[in-house]
Amino acid sequence: MQLSRFVTVYKDVAEDEHVLYDVISTRYVGVSGDVLTLVRGLGSNALSEEEAEVAAELQQQDFVVASREVDDQRLRDYLEQAAKGIPGAMYNADAYARM
């Protein structure tokens, strides 16, 4: 388990509060210093029951991933969805080419 490489960490946005921002889903979560230390150290230490629950919740929300392969798949899925465009919107490439 590891912090997704598509998550940006904003440290010290408030006293003992940090923000994890997922650029793929454009979601964020505020975490304490203890949780930030936990996610940065994932994979190097055995987790207590409470730490495992926190890590599992962050994994469910895609801030933490099981492996780089899972992270790569998240990116592929996002790019495939983005390539489909916005449902119900029309795009005329020729009209933009004439501008």
Protein backbone atom coordinates (compact mmCIF):
# COMPACT_ATOMS: atom_id res chain seq x y z
CA MET A 1 0.00 0.00 0.00
CA GLN A 2 1.29 3.47 -0.87
CA LEU A 3 0.21 7.04 -1.35
CA SER A 4 -1.01 7.49 -4.93
CA ARG A 5 1.46 9.39 -7.07
CA PHE A 6 -1.49 11.45 -8.29
CA VAL A 7 -2.04 12.87 -4.81
CA THR A 8 -0.51 16.21 -3.96
CA VAL A 9 0.18 16.94 -0.30
CA TYR A 10 -0.40 20.45 1.01
CA LYS A 11 1.28 20.66 4.40
CA ASP A 12 0.30 22.89 7.27
CA VAL A 13 -2.86 24.47 5.83
CA ALA A 14 -3.85 24.92 9.47
CA GLU A 15 -2.37 23.85 12.78
CA ASP A 16 -1.82 20.07 12.56
CA GLU A 17 -3.92 19.91 9.38
CA HIS A 18 -2.73 18.88 5.95
CA VAL A 19 -4.60 18.29 2.71
CA LEU A 20 -4.31 15.34 0.35
CA TYR A 21 -5.56 16.38 -3.10
CA ASP A 22 -6.19 13.73 -5.76
CA VAL A 23 -5.66 15.34 -9.17
CA ILE A 24 -7.47 12.53 -11.01
CA SER A 25 -10.74 12.70 -9.11
CA THR A 26 -10.28 16.36 -8.07
CA ARG A 27 -11.16 15.42 -4.50
CA TYR A 28 -9.39 16.28 -1.29
CA VAL A 29 -9.32 15.24 2.33
CA GLY A 30 -7.95 16.97 5.39
CA VAL A 31 -5.69 14.84 7.58
CA SER A 32 -3.79 15.27 10.82
CA GLY A 33 -0.03 15.10 11.13
CA ASP A 34 -0.30 11.54 12.44
CA VAL A 35 -2.25 10.41 9.38
CA LEU A 36 0.19 12.18 7.04
CA THR A 37 3.08 10.38 8.75
CA LEU A 38 1.15 7.11 8.41
CA VAL A 39 0.52 7.42 4.66
CA ARG A 40 4.09 8.51 3.96
CA GLY A 41 5.39 5.44 5.80
CA LEU A 42 3.04 2.86 4.32
CA GLY A 43 4.79 -0.33 3.34
CA SER A 44 7.70 0.18 5.71
CA ASN A 45 6.05 -0.62 9.05
CA ALA A 46 3.46 -3.01 10.42
CA LEU A 47 0.17 -1.22 11.02
CA SER A 48 -1.90 -1.24 14.16
CA GLU A 49 -5.60 -2.05 13.81
CA GLU A 50 -6.52 1.64 13.90
CA GLU A 51 -3.84 2.56 11.34
CA ALA A 52 -5.01 -0.25 9.06
CA GLU A 53 -8.58 1.10 9.22
CA VAL A 54 -7.39 4.62 8.31
CA ALA A 55 -5.27 3.28 5.44
CA ALA A 56 -8.18 1.14 4.18
CA GLU A 57 -10.53 4.16 4.16
CA LEU A 58 -7.98 6.25 2.26
CA GLN A 59 -7.50 3.35 -0.15
CA GLN A 60 -11.24 3.10 -0.74
CA GLN A 61 -11.19 6.80 -1.70
CA ASP A 62 -8.11 6.29 -3.97
CA PHE A 63 -5.74 8.49 -1.97
CA VAL A 64 -3.79 5.33 -1.15
CA VAL A 65 -3.31 2.51 -3.67
CA ALA A 66 -2.26 -1.12 -3.38
CA SER A 67 0.49 -0.81 -5.99
CA ARG A 68 1.85 1.25 -8.85
CA GLU A 69 -0.05 -1.00 -11.26
CA VAL A 70 -3.33 -0.04 -9.59
CA ASP A 71 -2.31 3.62 -9.85
CA ASP A 72 -1.50 3.17 -13.55
CA GLN A 73 -4.91 1.58 -14.15
CA ARG A 74 -6.63 4.52 -12.41
CA LEU A 75 -4.90 6.87 -14.85
CA ARG A 76 -5.82 4.74 -17.87
CA ASP A 77 -9.46 4.60 -16.75
CA TYR A 78 -9.52 8.38 -16.26
CA LEU A 79 -7.98 9.05 -19.69
CA GLU A 80 -10.41 6.67 -21.40
CA GLN A 81 -13.34 8.44 -19.75
CA ALA A 82 -11.96 11.89 -20.61
CA ALA A 83 -11.48 10.85 -24.25
CA LYS A 84 -15.22 10.22 -24.51
CA GLY A 85 -15.87 13.90 -23.87
CA ILE A 86 -18.76 15.41 -21.97
CA PRO A 87 -22.00 13.47 -22.41
CA GLY A 88 -24.62 15.48 -24.28
CA ALA A 89 -22.11 18.04 -25.57
CA MET A 90 -21.34 18.49 -29.23
CA TYR A 91 -17.84 19.20 -30.45
CA ASN A 92 -17.13 20.21 -34.00
CA ALA A 93 -13.40 20.06 -34.71
CA ASP A 94 -13.89 21.74 -38.13
CA ALA A 95 -15.48 24.81 -36.53
CA TYR A 96 -12.48 25.25 -34.24
CA ALA A 97 -10.04 24.71 -37.12
CA ARG A 98 -11.56 27.67 -39.03
CA MET A 99 -11.12 30.07 -36.11
